[in-house]
Amino acid sequence: MAKLLRSKYVPPPGQIQTSSRDLVLSVEENMFRPSSRDRALAPDLERFMAERAGAHIVEVNSSHAAMVSHPDAVTRLIERADRGTP
């Protein structure tokens, strides 16, 4: 598994200076789920990173642990990502 993750997530040498948009995984759509009441990561920073990566943003009105407090919303997002529908 680690070999697979490394092959998918580590940018090739020389691409470190490219934009984050170019470093996004080679998939058709990117999805990002920031939490509007997150106190572990600043929601504005999460949104900024998602926008910079060109991701489709699905915000949840939750704390950092949205997968615990809003499992249905997170499940729907994962299912949409699996289908490739933003």
Protein backbone atom coordinates (compact mmCIF):
# COMPACT_ATOMS: atom_id res chain seq x y z
CA MET A 1 0.00 0.00 0.00
CA ALA A 2 2.78 2.44 0.85
CA LYS A 3 4.34 1.90 -2.57
CA LEU A 4 1.00 2.66 -4.25
CA LEU A 5 0.49 5.82 -2.18
CA ARG A 6 4.02 7.00 -2.91
CA SER A 7 3.56 6.49 -6.63
CA LYS A 8 0.30 8.46 -6.57
CA TYR A 9 1.05 11.26 -4.12
CA VAL A 10 4.72 12.15 -4.46
CA PRO A 11 5.38 14.66 -7.25
CA PRO A 12 8.09 13.74 -9.75
CA PRO A 13 11.50 15.39 -9.25
CA GLY A 14 11.61 18.93 -10.59
CA GLN A 15 7.90 19.62 -10.09
CA ILE A 16 8.19 20.95 -6.56
CA GLN A 17 8.28 24.54 -7.87
CA THR A 18 5.09 24.17 -9.92
CA SER A 19 1.76 25.48 -8.71
CA SER A 20 -0.43 23.43 -6.41
CA ARG A 21 -2.97 23.20 -9.25
CA ASP A 22 -0.38 21.26 -11.28
CA LEU A 23 0.46 18.99 -8.35
CA VAL A 24 -3.13 17.88 -7.74
CA LEU A 25 -3.69 14.18 -8.14
CA SER A 26 -4.32 13.08 -11.70
CA VAL A 27 -8.09 12.83 -11.40
CA GLU A 28 -10.81 14.66 -13.27
CA GLU A 29 -12.27 16.39 -10.22
CA ASN A 30 -10.95 17.26 -6.78
CA MET A 31 -13.25 17.65 -3.83
CA PHE A 32 -12.48 19.27 -0.51
CA ARG A 33 -14.53 19.37 2.67
CA PRO A 34 -13.63 22.27 4.94
CA SER A 35 -15.44 22.60 8.27
CA SER A 36 -16.79 26.07 8.95
CA ARG A 37 -16.38 25.75 12.74
CA ASP A 38 -12.98 24.04 12.67
CA ARG A 39 -10.67 25.13 15.48
CA ALA A 40 -7.79 22.81 14.57
CA LEU A 41 -7.34 24.25 11.06
CA ALA A 42 -8.45 27.74 10.08
CA PRO A 43 -11.50 27.42 7.78
CA ASP A 44 -10.29 30.36 5.67
CA LEU A 45 -6.96 28.61 5.14
CA GLU A 46 -8.71 25.36 4.21
CA ARG A 47 -10.87 27.21 1.66
CA PHE A 48 -7.82 29.00 0.26
CA MET A 49 -5.92 25.74 -0.22
CA ALA A 50 -8.94 24.08 -1.83
CA GLU A 51 -9.46 26.99 -4.22
CA ARG A 52 -5.75 27.06 -5.07
CA ALA A 53 -5.93 23.36 -5.92
CA GLY A 54 -9.02 23.92 -8.07
CA ALA A 55 -11.12 21.63 -5.89
CA HIS A 56 -14.88 21.49 -5.74
CA ILE A 57 -15.64 22.70 -2.19
CA VAL A 58 -18.36 21.13 -0.06
CA GLU A 59 -18.36 22.92 3.28
CA VAL A 60 -19.85 21.33 6.39
CA ASN A 61 -21.07 23.39 9.35
CA SER A 62 -19.04 21.35 11.79
CA SER A 63 -15.96 21.16 13.94
CA HIS A 64 -12.74 19.49 12.78
CA ALA A 65 -14.21 15.99 13.23
CA ALA A 66 -17.01 16.29 10.65
CA MET A 67 -16.77 12.58 9.91
CA VAL A 68 -17.97 11.94 13.47
CA SER A 69 -20.54 14.72 13.89
CA HIS A 70 -21.86 14.71 10.29
CA PRO A 71 -21.18 11.21 8.93
CA ASP A 72 -24.00 11.42 6.36
CA ALA A 73 -22.59 14.58 4.76
CA VAL A 74 -19.10 13.10 4.62
CA THR A 75 -20.43 9.81 3.20
CA ARG A 76 -22.33 11.70 0.47
CA LEU A 77 -19.17 13.62 -0.43
CA ILE A 78 -17.14 10.40 -0.67
CA GLU A 79 -19.82 8.76 -2.80
CA ARG A 80 -19.96 11.79 -5.11
CA ALA A 81 -16.18 11.76 -5.43
CA ASP A 82 -16.29 8.05 -6.23
CA ARG A 83 -18.84 8.68 -8.99
CA GLY A 84 -16.87 11.66 -10.22
CA THR A 85 -19.78 14.08 -9.76
CA PRO A 86 -19.00 17.37 -7.99
